[in-house]
Protein backbone atom coordinates (compact mmCIF):
# COMPACT_ATOMS: atom_id res chain seq x y z
CA MET A 1 147.91 102.92 144.87
CA PHE A 2 146.64 106.41 145.26
CA LEU A 3 149.60 107.62 146.49
CA LEU A 4 153.39 108.28 144.26
CA LEU A 5 156.03 108.91 146.88
CA ARG A 6 159.66 109.12 145.56
CA ARG A 7 160.28 112.11 143.37
CA THR A 8 163.48 111.34 141.58
CA CYS A 9 166.00 114.02 139.71
CA SER A 10 167.71 112.15 136.77
CA THR A 11 169.98 113.16 133.41
CA THR A 12 168.10 110.42 131.79
CA ALA A 13 164.31 110.43 132.95
CA ALA A 14 161.79 112.99 133.50
CA ARG A 15 160.61 114.28 137.58
CA VAL A 16 157.37 112.77 138.82
CA THR A 17 155.54 114.57 140.54
CA GLN A 18 154.17 113.72 143.97
CA ASN A 19 150.37 113.35 144.38
CA GLU A 20 148.15 114.44 147.21
CA ALA A 21 147.04 111.73 149.87
CA TYR A 22 143.55 111.02 150.94
CA LEU A 23 142.11 109.84 154.07
CA PRO A 24 139.86 106.70 152.93
CA LEU A 25 136.26 107.81 153.31
CA VAL A 26 135.34 105.11 155.93
CA ILE A 27 137.83 106.49 158.21
CA SER A 28 136.84 109.87 157.43
CA ARG A 29 133.16 109.07 158.22
CA LYS A 30 134.26 106.86 161.50
CA ILE A 31 136.14 109.78 162.79
CA GLU A 32 132.91 112.73 162.26
CA GLU A 33 131.48 110.34 164.42
CA ILE A 34 133.81 110.00 166.96
CA MET A 35 133.15 114.17 167.24
CA ARG A 36 129.81 113.73 167.13
CA ASP A 37 129.52 111.11 170.29
CA ALA A 38 132.15 113.20 171.97
CA SER A 39 130.11 116.29 171.80
CA LEU A 40 132.88 118.57 169.94
CA ARG A 41 130.75 121.23 168.58
CA SER A 42 132.16 123.98 166.33
CA LYS A 43 133.06 126.28 169.39
CA ARG A 44 134.58 123.50 171.74
CA LEU A 45 136.78 121.79 168.75
CA VAL A 46 138.17 125.56 168.02
CA GLU A 47 139.31 125.92 171.89
CA CYS A 48 140.49 122.31 171.73
CA THR A 49 142.09 122.57 168.96
CA GLU A 50 143.88 125.94 170.08
CA GLU A 51 145.21 123.99 173.19
CA LEU A 52 146.44 121.13 171.02
CA SER A 53 148.15 122.81 169.09
CA SER A 54 149.73 124.76 171.63
CA ALA A 55 150.89 121.81 173.50
CA LEU A 56 152.58 120.30 170.44
CA ALA A 57 154.32 123.34 170.13
CA LYS A 58 155.72 123.81 173.57
CA ASN A 59 156.48 119.45 173.02
CA THR A 60 158.75 120.54 170.21
CA VAL A 61 160.49 122.84 171.84
CA HIS A 62 161.20 120.48 174.44
CA ILE A 63 162.40 118.15 172.49
CA LYS A 64 164.52 119.94 171.38
CA GLN A 65 166.09 120.95 174.46
CA LEU A 66 166.36 117.33 175.94
CA LEU A 67 168.21 116.31 173.18
CA SER A 68 170.61 118.99 173.02
CA ASP A 69 173.81 118.66 174.10
CA GLU A 70 174.26 121.58 175.66
CA PHE A 71 170.84 120.57 177.67
CA GLN A 72 172.10 120.66 181.43
CA GLY A 73 168.80 119.84 182.69
CA GLY A 74 165.90 121.79 184.52
CA ASP A 75 163.42 121.45 186.57
CA ASN A 76 161.08 123.69 185.28
CA LEU A 77 161.56 122.69 181.97
CA LEU A 78 160.80 118.85 182.81
CA VAL A 79 157.58 119.39 184.53
CA ASP A 80 156.31 122.04 181.76
CA ALA A 81 157.31 118.65 179.11
CA LYS A 82 155.49 116.67 181.28
CA THR A 83 152.45 119.02 181.47
CA ALA A 84 152.14 119.68 177.85
CA THR A 85 151.94 115.68 176.69
CA ASP A 86 149.56 115.06 179.38
CA GLU A 87 147.33 117.81 177.91
CA LEU A 88 147.10 116.16 174.84
CA TYR A 89 145.16 112.83 176.11
CA SER A 90 143.51 113.81 179.25
CA SER A 91 140.19 114.08 178.28
CA ALA A 92 137.82 111.97 175.40
CA GLU A 93 137.08 115.72 174.53
CA LYS A 94 140.54 116.01 173.96
CA ALA A 95 141.22 112.44 172.17
CA ALA A 96 138.53 113.05 169.49
CA ALA A 97 139.76 116.85 168.60
CA TYR A 98 143.71 115.65 168.28
CA SER A 99 142.60 113.00 165.86
CA SER A 100 140.55 115.57 163.77
CA LEU A 101 143.85 117.75 164.08
CA ARG A 102 145.86 115.34 163.19
CA PHE A 103 144.74 111.94 162.08
CA PRO A 104 145.03 112.79 158.13
CA SER A 105 148.23 114.29 158.14
CA THR A 106 150.05 111.59 159.99
CA TYR A 107 147.98 109.10 157.72
CA ALA A 108 149.82 110.88 155.13
CA ALA A 109 153.18 110.21 156.24
CA ASN A 110 153.16 107.20 157.01
CA MET A 111 151.97 106.27 153.59
CA HIS A 112 154.82 108.01 152.70
CA VAL A 113 157.28 106.03 154.42
CA PHE A 114 155.53 102.47 154.22
CA THR A 115 154.84 102.97 150.15
CA ARG A 116 158.92 103.68 149.77
CA LEU A 117 159.66 100.54 151.83
CA ALA A 118 157.23 98.35 149.82
CA ALA A 119 159.03 99.75 146.55
CA LEU A 120 162.46 98.96 148.31
CA ARG A 121 161.56 95.79 149.20
CA PRO A 122 158.87 94.56 146.85
CA GLY A 123 158.80 90.78 147.69
CA PHE A 124 158.71 91.60 151.50
CA VAL A 125 155.15 91.72 153.09
CA PRO A 126 155.02 91.52 156.92
CA ALA A 127 153.05 88.95 159.13
CA SER A 128 153.28 90.41 162.59
CA VAL A 129 153.67 94.05 163.50
CA LEU A 130 153.78 96.35 166.55
CA ASP A 131 152.59 99.82 166.85
CA PHE A 132 154.63 102.11 169.38
CA GLY A 133 152.32 105.03 170.27
CA SER A 134 149.71 103.88 168.07
CA GLY A 135 147.20 106.85 169.23
CA SER A 136 144.27 106.67 166.61
CA GLY A 137 145.57 104.15 164.69
CA ALA A 138 146.67 105.87 161.43
CA ALA A 139 150.18 104.09 161.30
CA ILE A 140 148.16 100.64 161.39
CA CYS A 141 145.55 101.85 158.73
CA ALA A 142 148.17 103.23 156.47
CA LEU A 143 150.39 100.03 156.55
CA GLN A 144 147.28 98.23 155.70
CA HIS A 145 146.55 100.15 152.71
CA VAL A 146 150.00 99.01 151.69
CA TYR A 147 150.10 95.62 152.72
CA GLY A 148 146.76 93.82 153.65
CA GLU A 149 144.71 91.64 151.40
CA ARG A 150 142.47 94.62 149.38
CA GLU A 151 141.12 94.82 146.06
CA ALA A 152 141.06 98.94 145.70
CA SER A 153 137.23 100.03 144.01
CA PRO A 154 137.37 102.83 141.25
CA ALA A 155 137.02 105.28 143.45
CA ALA A 156 140.24 105.03 145.12
CA ALA A 157 142.41 105.42 142.18
CA ARG A 158 140.62 108.63 141.55
CA GLN A 159 140.23 111.67 142.92
CA PRO A 160 137.24 112.21 144.79
CA GLU A 161 134.23 115.11 144.95
CA THR A 162 135.61 118.74 145.64
CA GLU A 163 132.11 119.90 145.91
CA PRO A 164 132.14 122.14 149.44
CA GLU A 165 128.55 120.87 150.13
CA SER A 166 129.43 116.75 149.81
CA PRO A 167 130.03 115.41 153.51
CA ASP A 168 132.37 113.29 151.86
CA ASN A 169 134.95 115.80 150.88
CA GLY A 170 138.78 115.02 151.18
CA ALA A 171 138.21 111.37 151.27
CA ALA A 172 138.87 108.33 148.71
CA GLU A 173 136.49 104.69 149.36
CA ALA A 174 138.55 101.96 149.94
CA THR A 175 137.57 98.28 149.89
CA THR A 176 139.50 96.32 152.53
CA SER A 177 139.55 92.41 153.49
CA PRO A 178 140.87 91.45 156.21
CA VAL A 179 144.47 92.09 156.77
CA ALA A 180 147.48 89.51 156.56
CA PHE A 181 149.34 90.51 159.61
CA ASP A 182 148.78 90.49 163.60
CA VAL A 183 149.20 93.94 165.36
CA LEU A 184 149.71 95.00 168.53
CA ALA A 185 149.20 98.57 169.55
CA VAL A 186 150.84 99.76 172.49
CA GLU A 187 148.90 103.20 173.94
CA ARG A 188 149.17 104.46 177.14
CA SER A 189 146.13 106.59 176.98
CA SER A 190 142.76 104.50 178.00
CA TYR A 191 140.92 107.99 175.92
CA MET A 192 143.12 107.49 172.42
CA LYS A 193 143.25 104.06 172.67
CA ALA A 194 139.38 104.03 172.51
CA VAL A 195 139.57 106.09 169.62
CA GLY A 196 142.14 104.24 168.27
CA ARG A 197 140.00 100.97 168.58
CA LYS A 198 137.06 102.25 166.82
CA VAL A 199 138.94 103.68 163.70
CA VAL A 200 141.11 100.14 163.17
CA GLU A 201 138.10 98.24 163.55
CA SER A 202 135.94 100.49 161.22
CA PHE A 203 138.56 100.39 158.44
CA GLY A 204 138.18 95.72 159.05
CA LEU A 205 141.72 95.78 161.31
CA GLY A 206 139.73 94.81 164.72
CA SER A 207 139.72 90.88 164.60
CA ARG A 208 143.62 90.84 164.48
CA THR A 209 144.85 94.12 166.19
CA SER A 210 145.24 93.08 170.33
CA TRP A 211 146.07 96.53 172.40
CA ALA A 212 147.88 97.60 175.90
CA SER A 213 149.10 100.34 177.51
CA SER A 214 152.80 99.61 177.76
CA ILE A 215 155.42 97.80 175.99
CA ASP A 216 156.31 96.22 179.01
CA GLU A 217 153.04 95.28 180.40
CA ASP A 218 152.79 91.74 181.81
CA GLY A 219 150.92 89.33 179.73
CA ILE A 220 151.79 90.58 176.35
CA ASP A 221 152.85 88.56 173.32
CA THR A 222 157.17 89.01 174.14
CA LYS A 223 157.66 87.88 170.30
CA ALA A 224 159.90 89.89 167.70
CA ARG A 225 158.01 91.51 164.86
CA ASP A 226 158.48 91.70 161.50
CA VAL A 227 157.71 95.71 161.36
CA VAL A 228 158.31 97.88 164.64
CA ILE A 229 156.70 101.53 164.29
CA ALA A 230 157.13 104.29 166.36
CA SER A 231 155.37 107.15 164.98
CA TYR A 232 155.39 110.19 165.69
CA SER A 233 155.93 108.97 169.63
CA LEU A 234 159.03 108.86 170.63
CA GLY A 235 159.59 112.45 171.00
CA GLU A 236 156.40 112.73 172.74
CA ALA A 237 157.59 109.80 175.47
CA VAL A 238 160.78 111.70 175.69
CA ALA A 239 159.17 115.23 176.54
CA CYS A 240 157.04 113.42 178.87
CA SER A 241 159.59 111.59 180.99
CA GLY A 242 161.70 114.64 180.96
CA ASP A 243 164.70 112.42 180.58
CA LYS A 244 166.65 111.92 177.31
CA GLU A 245 168.63 109.13 178.75
CA GLU A 246 164.66 107.48 177.83
CA LEU A 247 165.21 107.75 174.00
CA ASP A 248 167.93 105.21 173.93
CA SER A 249 165.94 102.87 176.32
CA LEU A 250 162.69 103.33 173.89
CA VAL A 251 164.87 102.66 170.94
CA GLU A 252 166.84 99.63 172.16
CA LYS A 253 163.79 97.94 173.26
CA LEU A 254 162.10 98.14 169.69
CA TRP A 255 165.06 97.32 168.36
CA ALA A 256 165.06 93.99 170.27
CA LYS A 257 161.41 93.60 169.15
CA SER A 258 162.01 93.99 165.53
CA SER A 259 163.02 91.28 163.36
CA LYS A 260 162.96 92.92 160.00
CA TYR A 261 162.74 96.92 159.83
CA LEU A 262 161.69 99.09 162.83
CA VAL A 263 160.62 102.33 161.65
CA ILE A 264 160.98 105.54 163.30
CA ILE A 265 158.91 109.21 162.36
CA GLU A 266 158.87 112.12 163.75
CA ALA A 267 157.62 115.78 163.31
CA GLY A 268 159.21 117.51 160.45
CA GLY A 269 161.76 120.24 161.76
CA ALA A 270 164.63 120.64 164.52
CA GLY A 271 163.23 119.05 167.39
CA GLY A 272 161.64 116.09 165.33
CA PHE A 273 164.86 115.18 163.12
CA SER A 274 166.85 115.32 166.73
CA VAL A 275 165.34 112.29 167.95
CA ILE A 276 165.46 110.74 164.27
CA LYS A 277 169.38 111.66 164.25
CA ALA A 278 169.85 110.07 167.79
CA ALA A 279 167.97 106.83 167.08
CA ARG A 280 169.89 106.68 164.13
CA SER A 281 173.22 106.90 165.98
CA LEU A 282 172.35 104.38 168.58
CA LEU A 283 170.88 102.02 165.84
CA LEU A 284 174.11 102.21 164.22
CA THR A 285 176.31 100.77 166.84
CA LYS A 286 173.99 97.95 166.94
CA PRO A 287 175.09 94.61 164.69
CA HIS A 288 173.36 93.64 161.66
CA ALA A 289 171.33 97.19 161.92
CA LYS A 290 171.39 98.59 158.09
CA ILE A 291 169.71 102.20 157.23
CA LEU A 292 167.53 101.61 154.57
CA ALA A 293 165.91 104.74 154.07
CA PRO A 294 165.99 107.78 153.66
CA CYS A 295 169.53 108.05 153.96
CA LEU A 296 171.60 106.48 151.08
CA HIS A 297 174.38 105.67 153.39
CA SER A 298 175.35 104.03 157.13
CA GLU A 299 178.18 106.48 157.79
CA THR A 300 177.62 108.76 160.73
CA CYS A 301 175.02 111.71 160.10
CA PRO A 302 176.68 114.73 158.55
CA MET A 303 174.08 117.41 159.17
CA ALA A 304 175.50 120.23 161.52
CA ALA A 305 173.36 120.92 164.68
CA LYS A 306 171.08 123.57 163.57
CA MET A 307 169.78 121.58 159.97
CA PHE A 308 167.70 118.95 159.73
CA CYS A 309 166.31 116.38 157.09
CA SER A 310 162.54 116.36 156.42
CA PHE A 311 160.52 115.64 153.77
CA GLY A 312 156.86 117.01 152.91
CA GLN A 313 153.88 114.91 151.53
CA HIS A 314 150.75 116.45 150.46
CA LEU A 315 147.71 115.62 151.58
CA ASP A 316 143.88 116.57 151.18
CA ARG A 317 142.03 118.09 154.07
CA PRO A 318 138.73 116.47 155.17
CA ARG A 319 135.95 118.73 155.93
CA PHE A 320 136.46 117.78 159.84
CA GLN A 321 140.13 118.73 159.40
CA ARG A 322 139.44 122.01 158.31
CA ASN A 323 136.88 122.92 160.67
CA ALA A 324 139.66 121.61 163.19
CA ARG A 325 142.12 123.85 161.74
CA GLN A 326 139.74 127.00 161.43
CA SER A 327 140.55 127.54 157.69
CA THR A 328 139.06 126.78 154.08
CA LYS A 329 142.07 125.58 152.47
CA GLY A 330 141.66 122.06 150.99
CA HIS A 331 145.11 120.64 151.36
CA GLU A 332 148.50 121.26 152.95
CA SER A 333 151.82 119.77 153.11
CA GLU A 334 153.08 117.31 156.16
CA LYS A 335 156.28 117.71 157.04
CA PHE A 336 157.94 114.60 158.96
CA SER A 337 161.35 113.20 159.79
CA TYR A 338 161.84 109.27 159.29
CA ILE A 339 164.27 106.86 159.32
CA VAL A 340 163.67 103.05 158.58
CA VAL A 341 166.42 100.36 159.70
CA GLU A 342 166.54 96.89 158.24
CA ARG A 343 168.55 94.15 160.61
CA ALA A 344 171.08 92.58 158.26
CA SER A 345 170.16 88.64 158.71
CA ASN A 346 166.92 89.78 156.96
CA MET A 347 169.02 89.74 154.15
CA GLU A 348 170.85 86.53 154.16
CA HIS A 349 168.02 84.73 153.31
CA GLY A 350 167.53 85.51 149.56
CA GLY A 351 164.73 87.70 148.40
CA ALA A 352 165.08 90.91 146.52
CA ALA A 353 168.02 92.39 149.32
CA ALA A 354 169.91 89.57 148.91
CA ALA A 355 170.66 90.39 145.20
CA ALA A 356 174.29 92.05 144.00
CA PRO A 357 173.68 95.76 145.39
CA GLU A 358 172.50 98.23 142.40
CA PRO A 359 175.18 101.62 141.83
CA ARG A 360 173.89 104.39 144.44
CA PRO A 361 172.22 107.40 143.64
CA TRP A 362 175.04 110.53 144.26
CA GLY A 363 172.44 112.16 146.78
CA ARG A 364 169.66 113.59 148.52
CA LEU A 365 168.82 117.66 148.40
CA ILE A 366 168.63 118.85 151.76
CA ARG A 367 167.72 122.24 150.84
CA PRO A 368 165.76 123.90 148.24
CA ALA A 369 167.56 124.26 144.98
CA LEU A 370 169.38 127.83 144.67
CA LYS A 371 168.74 129.45 141.26
CA ASN A 372 170.52 131.86 138.99
CA LYS A 373 170.11 132.09 135.46
CA ARG A 374 173.01 130.26 133.92
CA HIS A 375 173.08 127.12 136.94
CA VAL A 376 171.79 125.85 139.23
CA MET A 377 173.59 125.28 142.64
CA LEU A 378 172.44 121.38 144.40
CA ASP A 379 173.22 120.94 148.33
CA VAL A 380 172.81 117.01 149.00
CA CYS A 381 173.57 114.44 151.56
CA ALA A 382 176.25 112.67 149.32
CA SER A 383 176.00 108.69 149.15
CA ASN A 384 179.01 108.50 150.46
CA GLY A 385 178.05 110.09 153.81
CA THR A 386 179.75 113.78 152.93
CA LEU A 387 177.63 116.95 152.20
CA GLU A 388 178.12 118.51 148.75
CA ARG A 389 177.62 121.54 146.34
CA ARG A 390 177.74 121.68 143.03
CA ALA A 391 176.97 123.38 139.68
CA VAL A 392 174.59 122.33 137.31
CA ALA A 393 175.29 124.95 134.21
CA LYS A 394 173.06 125.45 131.74
CA LYS A 395 174.54 123.78 129.14
CA ASP A 396 174.63 120.71 131.13
CA GLU A 397 172.37 117.87 130.63
CA GLY A 398 169.89 117.58 133.67
CA TYR A 399 169.55 121.72 134.02
CA LYS A 400 165.76 121.73 133.12
CA GLU A 401 165.68 118.95 136.01
CA ALA A 402 167.73 120.86 138.49
CA ARG A 403 165.36 123.83 138.38
CA LYS A 404 162.53 121.68 139.11
CA ALA A 405 164.13 119.67 141.74
CA GLN A 406 162.62 119.73 145.18
CA TRP A 407 163.91 119.51 148.77
CA GLY A 408 164.23 115.60 149.30
CA ASP A 409 164.25 114.86 145.95
CA VAL A 410 167.06 112.08 145.53
CA TRP A 411 169.23 113.00 142.56
CA GLU A 412 171.07 109.93 140.74
CA THR A 413 174.22 110.92 138.83
CA VAL A 414 177.00 113.04 139.59
CA PRO A 415 176.89 116.57 138.08
CA ARG A 416 180.02 117.59 136.14
CA CYS A 417 181.14 120.37 137.75
CA LYS A 418 183.35 119.92 141.23
CA PRO A 419 182.02 120.70 144.33
CA SER A 420 181.59 124.30 145.24
CA ARG A 421 183.60 125.44 148.67
CA VAL A 422 181.02 126.15 151.35
CA THR A 423 180.06 125.51 155.16
CA PHE A 424 177.32 123.91 156.00
């Protein structure tokens, strides 16, 4: 696996550096082919991506407003929200442009989350998957990369070529074999569905993947799935419906269709986190629901109204994404919020999850470390469900690690100093 995804700061172990994610070469080539088929030349690609970026920005604002406690409704906002969402996938051209703009980033975020799930539950391999809002298939491909039966070629583990002239720049070779799980991909846009079919088929997933336009579509398999995924899709569905009650309805349906794990991923920032926080609050009212990641507790989220919890995954930009973003920069950091919820009944039948619980870390950093000459202040969401700020003094063990700590890192041991009085 070419992706290492949990940075940990401890007083007994060195900090592990987060690696960059690379898009598999076969997917990179397929997206370039899709762009050629859609006749996306440079000028038109720029126009499409600018329109898409504007629509995505509007969606973020709409989601935040719709899920706000102070939201009182408004016809203009609801119409504007639906229009912005519909603009994303209104043609084959825009579907191809969206894939060139966002596929590598969403793929990297999903790889981050699924690698984390695999580390927490090493004995688990899914047999069935539901991907809600599948889009161009980034979540399915990322899941295959983590759980699929494959033998990675040597090129998958090494850094790809970086010469600007290389047409494969920004991709890593990956050899896949038929997946060991069945996939039901739900995507309402026919244009995105067409793109998704081509991408997942290129990655060896076509024969085990079926497609539907709605989670309630007649004739689809209604059985519960081992893993249910909603990757960058719940917030979009809420914005499109213009009704914040739609979020509760969708989360209820997705949880009912999950037999083991429900994975929700949204864009980093206040808008995306508001979706995660609302879904988390609802799921905690359900029997057998346990927060597995990233939270270190299953208490009420202590984040205040204007705070948000997000993570970052570095990724190498393929050439087509650099062209879509009109940038020569060869890498970026995808910011995202996520939650993995485990059905507790899954923990009663043996496996690693049934073992005695291990001691929990002190907390996860919710802000960048505040550095002074003689100490470092760490703000964390602690494993007891509260927000805490503690200082690591220069004379304390772990001071060097504290100075290198980054937003989202897990800090294992409780610092010696008492909590500071601070209003978060």
